[in-house]
Amino acid sequence: MTLFAQSLPYVRAISPYQPGKPITELAREMGLAVDQIVKLASNENPLGMSPKARAALVAALDTIERYPDDFVLKSAVAERYGLGMERVVLGNGSNDVLDLAARVFLAPGRSAVFAQYAFAVYPLATLSAGGEPIAVPARDYGHDLTAMRAAIRPDTRLVWIANPNNPTGTFVPCAQLEAFIASLPDDVLVVLDEAYNEYLPPAERVDTTAWLARWPNLVITRTFSKIYGLAGLRVGYALASAEVADLMNRVRQPFNCNNLALAAAAAALTDEEFVARSQALNSAGMQQIVAGLESLGFAYIPSRGNFVSFRAGDTAAINQRLLRQGVIVRPLAGYAMPEWLRVTIGRREENDRFLAALEAAR
């Protein structure tokens, strides 16, 4: 029997996560200069990192010989939300804390519920823990909470919800989400993934962290990879009850956040001016991209994130034509959306470059 056959069957069932194409890879493939390429595939902040985060990162270089001390970041996150430090779990990106939740609550014989077209890490984390993934058909490319509630079985131990959702950008109004969480059994954990929370329009933003006092079966995850511009440092966090956080910390790898990530994230959390600039740039860019898609006749899904998914038809051909022009977007065939592409909101000149390339690629 081969080593592959000896491996766990639920591990063999996993489809590996496919990241966006790197700039350097496209440069090699197409013979393009790196500075000729516009990457709008991975929902990164086009402004980069905040000046405060950059200064803190440089200062932290002097601590590289030491093992990480996460006290400063954990205390900063806890203070921001009025919680005790014992309720904060840090991760190597928010993907890490999603995986921790799965490892604590899922196993063979247990199931997890999530929406069709939801973040690809949910079935991956579910399967890696031996759980059974239950994908609930979407409604208008978003979460159908009524159907998700009906899909919960006696063996269900976890529900994944991304709000706003990636890759579709859909958003569940908070009142509906509150009612859904209130309807669940106490022994079903809800993981509310708010990676794009900071991009929400002010009128739609609710302090969901206040819900933690009401529901000990709620875990909220957030990241420094998106609006804070620290995707390459890999740092995120979860907020949970002290009991759930303790369990997640038991399976967390020691020192899972490095010194540079910890220092930069703690500083980024204080840079409200940078966050406001990033929000404003995204809002203007969203209007620019949407207007361009409408002008070119492409259908799209209204988004509350920093990206838009649009129906391109023959996506393989259009994506290849975009790549030849040095423009990287994200095909969504891996999300069972073979006719769709997702474009990240960039700077004005990057958005112009994308729209011109898309017009030429039709």
Protein backbone atom coordinates (compact mmCIF):
# COMPACT_ATOMS: atom_id res chain seq x y z
CA MET A 1 0.00 0.00 0.00
CA THR A 2 1.35 3.43 -0.94
CA LEU A 3 1.91 6.25 1.53
CA PHE A 4 -0.84 8.20 -0.26
CA ALA A 5 -3.30 5.37 0.42
CA GLN A 6 -2.16 5.28 4.05
CA SER A 7 -3.13 8.93 4.53
CA LEU A 8 -6.43 9.93 6.10
CA PRO A 9 -9.29 9.85 3.55
CA TYR A 10 -10.63 13.24 4.60
CA VAL A 11 -7.21 14.77 3.99
CA ARG A 12 -7.15 13.27 0.49
CA ALA A 13 -10.56 14.87 -0.12
CA ILE A 14 -9.17 18.39 0.36
CA SER A 15 -8.68 20.58 -2.69
CA PRO A 16 -5.62 22.70 -1.89
CA TYR A 17 -6.18 26.44 -1.62
CA GLN A 18 -5.18 28.23 -4.83
CA PRO A 19 -3.77 31.71 -4.18
CA GLY A 20 -3.82 34.52 -6.71
CA LYS A 21 -1.09 34.47 -9.35
CA PRO A 22 2.04 36.27 -8.09
CA ILE A 23 3.42 39.23 -10.04
CA THR A 24 6.83 37.59 -10.48
CA GLU A 25 5.27 34.43 -11.92
CA LEU A 26 3.35 36.39 -14.55
CA ALA A 27 6.48 38.41 -15.37
CA ARG A 28 8.36 35.16 -16.08
CA GLU A 29 5.52 33.63 -18.10
CA MET A 30 4.80 36.65 -20.28
CA GLY A 31 8.23 38.21 -20.45
CA LEU A 32 6.93 41.38 -18.81
CA ALA A 33 8.72 43.77 -16.49
CA VAL A 34 7.46 43.58 -12.92
CA ASP A 35 6.61 47.28 -12.92
CA GLN A 36 4.38 46.77 -15.97
CA ILE A 37 2.06 44.44 -14.07
CA VAL A 38 -1.06 45.41 -12.13
CA LYS A 39 -2.18 42.81 -9.61
CA LEU A 40 -5.85 43.09 -8.64
CA ALA A 41 -6.40 39.48 -7.64
CA SER A 42 -5.88 39.06 -3.90
CA ASN A 43 -7.85 41.84 -2.18
CA GLU A 44 -4.70 43.60 -0.98
CA ASN A 45 -4.63 47.25 0.11
CA PRO A 46 -3.19 49.29 -2.79
CA LEU A 47 -1.86 51.86 -0.28
CA GLY A 48 0.39 49.25 1.31
CA MET A 49 0.88 49.42 5.08
CA SER A 50 0.37 52.40 7.34
CA PRO A 51 3.38 54.63 8.14
CA LYS A 52 2.97 53.78 11.82
CA ALA A 53 3.09 50.05 11.06
CA ARG A 54 6.16 50.48 8.87
CA ALA A 55 8.03 52.39 11.60
CA ALA A 56 7.13 49.75 14.19
CA LEU A 57 8.24 46.96 11.87
CA VAL A 58 11.64 48.57 11.30
CA ALA A 59 12.12 49.05 15.05
CA ALA A 60 11.19 45.40 15.66
CA LEU A 61 14.10 44.22 13.51
CA ASP A 62 16.26 44.67 16.60
CA THR A 63 14.25 41.93 18.38
CA ILE A 64 14.57 39.17 15.78
CA GLU A 65 16.89 37.08 17.95
CA ARG A 66 14.17 36.87 20.63
CA TYR A 67 11.13 34.66 20.62
CA PRO A 68 7.91 36.64 20.08
CA ASP A 69 6.05 38.30 22.96
CA ASP A 70 2.42 38.77 21.97
CA PHE A 71 1.40 40.77 25.05
CA VAL A 72 1.35 44.18 23.35
CA LEU A 73 -0.87 43.13 20.45
CA LYS A 74 -3.21 41.01 22.58
CA SER A 75 -3.65 43.84 25.08
CA ALA A 76 -4.21 46.37 22.27
CA VAL A 77 -6.90 44.21 20.66
CA ALA A 78 -8.53 43.52 24.02
CA GLU A 79 -8.56 47.21 24.96
CA ARG A 80 -10.00 48.22 21.60
CA TYR A 81 -13.05 46.01 22.12
CA GLY A 82 -13.35 46.27 25.91
CA LEU A 83 -12.55 42.61 26.48
CA GLY A 84 -10.13 40.74 28.70
CA MET A 85 -6.94 39.46 27.10
CA GLU A 86 -8.05 35.93 27.91
CA ARG A 87 -10.68 36.31 25.17
CA VAL A 88 -8.21 37.08 22.36
CA VAL A 89 -6.60 34.42 20.16
CA LEU A 90 -3.86 35.51 17.75
CA GLY A 91 -3.19 33.73 14.48
CA ASN A 92 -0.81 33.55 11.56
CA GLY A 93 -3.43 35.37 9.53
CA SER A 94 -7.13 34.92 10.27
CA ASN A 95 -6.98 31.65 8.30
CA ASP A 96 -4.98 30.28 11.21
CA VAL A 97 -7.67 31.05 13.79
CA LEU A 98 -10.34 29.60 11.48
CA ASP A 99 -8.33 26.38 11.46
CA LEU A 100 -7.99 26.47 15.26
CA ALA A 101 -11.78 26.64 15.65
CA ALA A 102 -12.18 23.64 13.35
CA ARG A 103 -9.55 21.63 15.21
CA VAL A 104 -11.26 22.25 18.54
CA PHE A 105 -14.85 21.53 17.54
CA LEU A 106 -14.78 19.27 14.48
CA ALA A 107 -13.83 15.62 14.03
CA PRO A 108 -15.07 12.56 12.13
CA GLY A 109 -18.78 12.21 12.84
CA ARG A 110 -19.31 15.98 13.17
CA SER A 111 -20.47 18.42 10.52
CA ALA A 112 -20.09 22.11 9.69
CA VAL A 113 -22.48 24.32 7.73
CA PHE A 114 -21.54 27.15 5.38
CA ALA A 115 -22.95 28.91 2.34
CA GLN A 116 -22.34 28.02 -1.27
CA TYR A 117 -19.80 30.47 -2.75
CA ALA A 118 -18.36 31.17 0.71
CA PHE A 119 -14.64 31.44 1.50
CA ALA A 120 -12.69 28.41 0.26
CA VAL A 121 -10.97 27.91 3.62
CA TYR A 122 -14.21 26.78 5.32
CA PRO A 123 -14.50 23.38 3.59
CA LEU A 124 -10.71 23.04 3.75
CA ALA A 125 -10.60 23.60 7.52
CA THR A 126 -13.64 21.38 8.02
CA LEU A 127 -12.16 18.48 6.09
CA SER A 128 -8.71 18.83 7.63
CA ALA A 129 -10.30 18.24 11.04
CA GLY A 130 -12.24 15.24 9.74
CA GLY A 131 -15.61 17.01 9.75
CA GLU A 132 -18.29 16.76 7.09
CA PRO A 133 -18.82 19.98 5.11
CA ILE A 134 -22.44 20.94 4.39
CA ALA A 135 -22.63 23.60 1.67
CA VAL A 136 -26.05 25.30 1.62
CA PRO A 137 -27.25 26.70 -1.73
CA ALA A 138 -26.82 30.47 -1.88
CA ARG A 139 -29.53 33.03 -2.43
CA ASP A 140 -28.47 35.77 -4.85
CA TYR A 141 -24.87 34.63 -4.35
CA GLY A 142 -25.11 35.29 -0.61
CA HIS A 143 -26.03 33.50 2.62
CA ASP A 144 -29.52 32.03 2.84
CA LEU A 145 -29.80 32.00 6.62
CA THR A 146 -33.17 30.25 6.64
CA ALA A 147 -31.79 27.38 4.57
CA MET A 148 -28.60 27.30 6.64
CA ARG A 149 -30.64 26.99 9.84
CA ALA A 150 -32.62 24.13 8.29
CA ALA A 151 -29.40 22.38 7.27
CA ILE A 152 -28.13 22.10 10.84
CA ARG A 153 -28.16 18.49 12.02
CA PRO A 154 -27.74 16.91 15.46
CA ASP A 155 -24.07 16.31 14.61
CA THR A 156 -23.44 19.90 13.48
CA ARG A 157 -20.94 21.64 15.72
CA LEU A 158 -19.91 24.67 13.69
CA VAL A 159 -21.40 27.24 11.31
CA TRP A 160 -19.14 29.41 9.14
CA ILE A 161 -20.37 32.87 8.11
CA ALA A 162 -18.33 35.45 6.18
CA ASN A 163 -19.81 38.94 6.41
CA PRO A 164 -19.08 40.57 3.99
CA ASN A 165 -18.59 37.38 2.03
CA ASN A 166 -15.58 36.56 -0.11
CA PRO A 167 -15.61 36.12 -3.11
CA THR A 168 -19.09 37.50 -3.79
CA GLY A 169 -19.02 40.62 -1.59
CA THR A 170 -22.55 40.04 -0.32
CA PHE A 171 -23.57 41.26 3.12
CA VAL A 172 -26.12 39.94 5.63
CA PRO A 173 -27.82 42.80 7.52
CA CYS A 174 -26.89 42.57 11.17
CA ALA A 175 -30.48 42.28 12.41
CA GLN A 176 -30.92 39.11 10.33
CA LEU A 177 -27.63 37.76 11.55
CA GLU A 178 -28.56 38.40 15.19
CA ALA A 179 -31.82 36.52 14.77
CA PHE A 180 -29.99 33.62 13.13
CA ILE A 181 -27.44 33.28 15.93
CA ALA A 182 -30.18 33.52 18.56
CA SER A 183 -32.01 30.61 16.89
CA LEU A 184 -29.08 28.19 17.12
CA PRO A 185 -28.55 25.51 19.76
CA ASP A 186 -26.05 26.50 22.43
CA ASP A 187 -23.72 23.66 21.42
CA VAL A 188 -23.26 24.92 17.84
CA LEU A 189 -20.34 27.33 17.43
CA VAL A 190 -20.79 30.27 15.05
CA VAL A 191 -17.60 31.57 13.47
CA LEU A 192 -18.31 35.06 12.12
CA ASP A 193 -15.51 35.93 9.72
CA GLU A 194 -15.26 39.71 9.40
CA ALA A 195 -12.10 40.05 7.33
CA TYR A 196 -13.68 42.90 5.35
CA ASN A 197 -15.57 44.55 8.21
CA GLU A 198 -13.60 47.79 8.02
CA TYR A 199 -14.73 48.37 4.43
CA LEU A 200 -18.42 48.49 5.33
CA PRO A 201 -20.23 51.78 4.81
CA PRO A 202 -20.78 53.45 8.21
CA ALA A 203 -24.56 53.03 7.96
CA GLU A 204 -24.20 49.25 7.77
CA ARG A 205 -21.54 48.84 10.44
CA VAL A 206 -22.56 47.33 13.79
CA ASP A 207 -20.32 46.53 16.75
CA THR A 208 -20.76 42.78 16.57
CA THR A 209 -18.20 42.32 19.34
CA ALA A 210 -20.95 43.40 21.77
CA TRP A 211 -22.76 40.17 20.83
CA LEU A 212 -20.05 38.13 22.56
CA ALA A 213 -21.58 38.98 25.94
CA ARG A 214 -24.87 37.38 24.84
CA TRP A 215 -23.63 34.31 22.99
CA PRO A 216 -20.71 32.29 24.36
CA ASN A 217 -20.96 30.11 21.23
CA LEU A 218 -19.88 33.04 19.00
CA VAL A 219 -16.36 33.53 17.66
CA ILE A 220 -15.51 36.66 15.66
CA THR A 221 -12.42 36.62 13.44
CA ARG A 222 -10.67 39.61 11.88
CA THR A 223 -7.44 40.21 10.02
CA PHE A 224 -4.66 42.72 9.45
CA SER A 225 -4.24 41.47 5.87
CA LYS A 226 -6.90 43.62 4.22
CA ILE A 227 -7.46 47.26 5.12
CA TYR A 228 -4.37 47.36 7.35
CA GLY A 229 -2.16 46.24 4.46
CA LEU A 230 -0.16 43.56 6.31
CA ALA A 231 -1.02 40.54 4.15
CA GLY A 232 2.62 39.47 3.83
CA LEU A 233 3.17 39.49 7.60
CA ARG A 234 0.27 37.08 8.25
CA VAL A 235 -1.48 38.21 11.42
CA GLY A 236 -5.12 37.97 12.45
CA TYR A 237 -7.15 37.32 15.57
CA ALA A 238 -10.27 35.81 17.06
CA LEU A 239 -12.50 37.19 19.81
CA ALA A 240 -14.41 34.61 21.83
CA SER A 241 -15.59 33.62 25.27
CA ALA A 242 -12.77 32.92 27.69
CA GLU A 243 -13.63 29.20 27.59
CA VAL A 244 -13.56 28.93 23.80
CA ALA A 245 -10.44 31.11 23.52
CA ASP A 246 -8.69 28.87 26.04
CA LEU A 247 -9.50 25.79 23.96
CA MET A 248 -8.26 27.44 20.77
CA ASN A 249 -5.06 28.52 22.48
CA ARG A 250 -4.46 24.91 23.59
CA VAL A 251 -4.09 23.78 19.96
CA ARG A 252 -2.41 26.98 18.72
CA GLN A 253 1.21 26.61 17.71
CA PRO A 254 3.56 28.43 20.12
CA PHE A 255 4.83 31.72 18.69
CA ASN A 256 2.49 31.53 15.70
CA CYS A 257 2.89 35.30 15.14
CA ASN A 258 6.39 36.63 14.55
CA ASN A 259 7.95 39.74 16.08
CA LEU A 260 7.60 41.87 12.97
CA ALA A 261 3.92 40.97 12.53
CA LEU A 262 3.11 41.63 16.18
CA ALA A 263 4.78 45.04 16.21
CA ALA A 264 3.34 46.19 12.88
CA ALA A 265 -0.19 45.03 13.74
CA ALA A 266 -0.20 46.76 17.13
CA ALA A 267 0.86 50.02 15.47
CA ALA A 268 -1.58 49.61 12.56
CA LEU A 269 -4.46 49.24 15.00
CA THR A 270 -3.84 52.84 16.16
CA ASP A 271 -3.57 54.40 12.70
CA GLU A 272 -7.13 55.61 12.21
CA GLU A 273 -6.04 58.15 9.58
CA PHE A 274 -4.62 55.40 7.37
CA VAL A 275 -7.77 53.31 7.75
CA ALA A 276 -9.92 56.32 6.81
CA ARG A 277 -7.78 56.98 3.72
CA SER A 278 -8.04 53.33 2.73
CA GLN A 279 -11.82 53.37 3.14
CA ALA A 280 -12.13 56.54 1.06
CA LEU A 281 -9.90 55.16 -1.71
CA ASN A 282 -11.90 51.94 -1.77
CA SER A 283 -15.24 53.75 -1.92
CA ALA A 284 -14.13 55.92 -4.84
CA GLY A 285 -12.52 52.96 -6.59
CA MET A 286 -15.64 50.85 -6.15
CA GLN A 287 -17.71 53.51 -7.90
CA GLN A 288 -15.10 53.72 -10.67
CA ILE A 289 -14.98 49.95 -11.26
CA VAL A 290 -18.75 49.49 -11.09
CA ALA A 291 -19.36 52.35 -13.51
CA GLY A 292 -16.79 50.85 -15.87
CA LEU A 293 -18.32 47.38 -15.71
CA GLU A 294 -21.76 48.82 -16.40
CA SER A 295 -20.42 50.83 -19.33
CA LEU A 296 -18.83 47.70 -20.80
CA GLY A 297 -22.00 45.66 -20.27
CA PHE A 298 -20.72 43.23 -17.63
CA ALA A 299 -23.09 42.00 -14.90
CA TYR A 300 -21.63 42.15 -11.39
CA ILE A 301 -22.52 41.34 -7.78
CA PRO A 302 -22.90 44.45 -5.57
CA SER A 303 -20.07 44.23 -3.05
CA ARG A 304 -19.38 45.49 0.48
CA GLY A 305 -15.72 44.45 0.38
CA ASN A 306 -12.70 45.79 -1.50
CA PHE A 307 -13.43 43.75 -4.63
CA VAL A 308 -16.15 43.09 -7.21
CA SER A 309 -17.08 39.82 -8.89
CA PHE A 310 -18.36 40.15 -12.45
CA ARG A 311 -19.71 37.71 -15.05
CA ALA A 312 -17.18 37.49 -17.87
CA GLY A 313 -18.62 34.56 -19.82
CA ASP A 314 -15.60 32.84 -21.37
CA THR A 315 -13.46 33.60 -18.34
CA ALA A 316 -10.52 31.43 -19.40
CA ALA A 317 -10.09 33.36 -22.64
CA ILE A 318 -10.72 36.79 -21.13
CA ASN A 319 -8.44 36.11 -18.17
CA GLN A 320 -5.65 35.00 -20.51
CA ARG A 321 -6.03 38.19 -22.55
CA LEU A 322 -5.87 40.24 -19.38
CA LEU A 323 -2.73 38.40 -18.27
CA ARG A 324 -1.05 39.09 -21.60
CA GLN A 325 -1.71 42.79 -20.94
CA GLY A 326 -0.11 42.51 -17.49
CA VAL A 327 -3.36 42.63 -15.48
CA ILE A 328 -3.99 39.95 -12.86
CA VAL A 329 -7.54 39.30 -11.57
CA ARG A 330 -8.99 36.22 -9.88
CA PRO A 331 -10.90 33.50 -11.76
CA LEU A 332 -13.65 31.98 -9.62
CA ALA A 333 -13.93 28.53 -11.17
CA GLY A 334 -12.64 27.10 -7.88
CA TYR A 335 -15.75 28.50 -6.22
CA ALA A 336 -18.03 26.79 -8.76
CA MET A 337 -18.50 30.15 -10.50
CA PRO A 338 -16.81 29.33 -13.83
CA GLU A 339 -18.20 32.36 -15.69
CA TRP A 340 -17.03 34.88 -13.09
CA LEU A 341 -13.89 36.88 -12.37
CA ARG A 342 -13.12 38.91 -9.23
CA VAL A 343 -11.24 42.19 -9.35
CA THR A 344 -9.74 43.94 -6.34
CA ILE A 345 -10.25 47.69 -6.02
CA GLY A 346 -6.93 49.42 -6.66
CA ARG A 347 -5.69 52.97 -7.06
CA ARG A 348 -7.43 55.08 -9.71
CA GLU A 349 -4.71 54.48 -12.30
CA GLU A 350 -4.76 50.72 -11.61
CA ASN A 351 -8.54 50.63 -12.00
CA ASP A 352 -8.23 52.55 -15.28
CA ARG A 353 -5.64 50.06 -16.48
CA PHE A 354 -7.92 47.13 -15.62
CA LEU A 355 -10.96 48.62 -17.35
CA ALA A 356 -8.98 49.43 -20.51
CA ALA A 357 -7.53 45.92 -20.55
CA LEU A 358 -10.97 44.39 -19.99
CA GLU A 359 -12.42 46.36 -22.90
CA ALA A 360 -9.61 45.08 -25.13
CA ALA A 361 -10.05 41.51 -23.84
CA ARG A 362 -13.75 41.18 -24.64
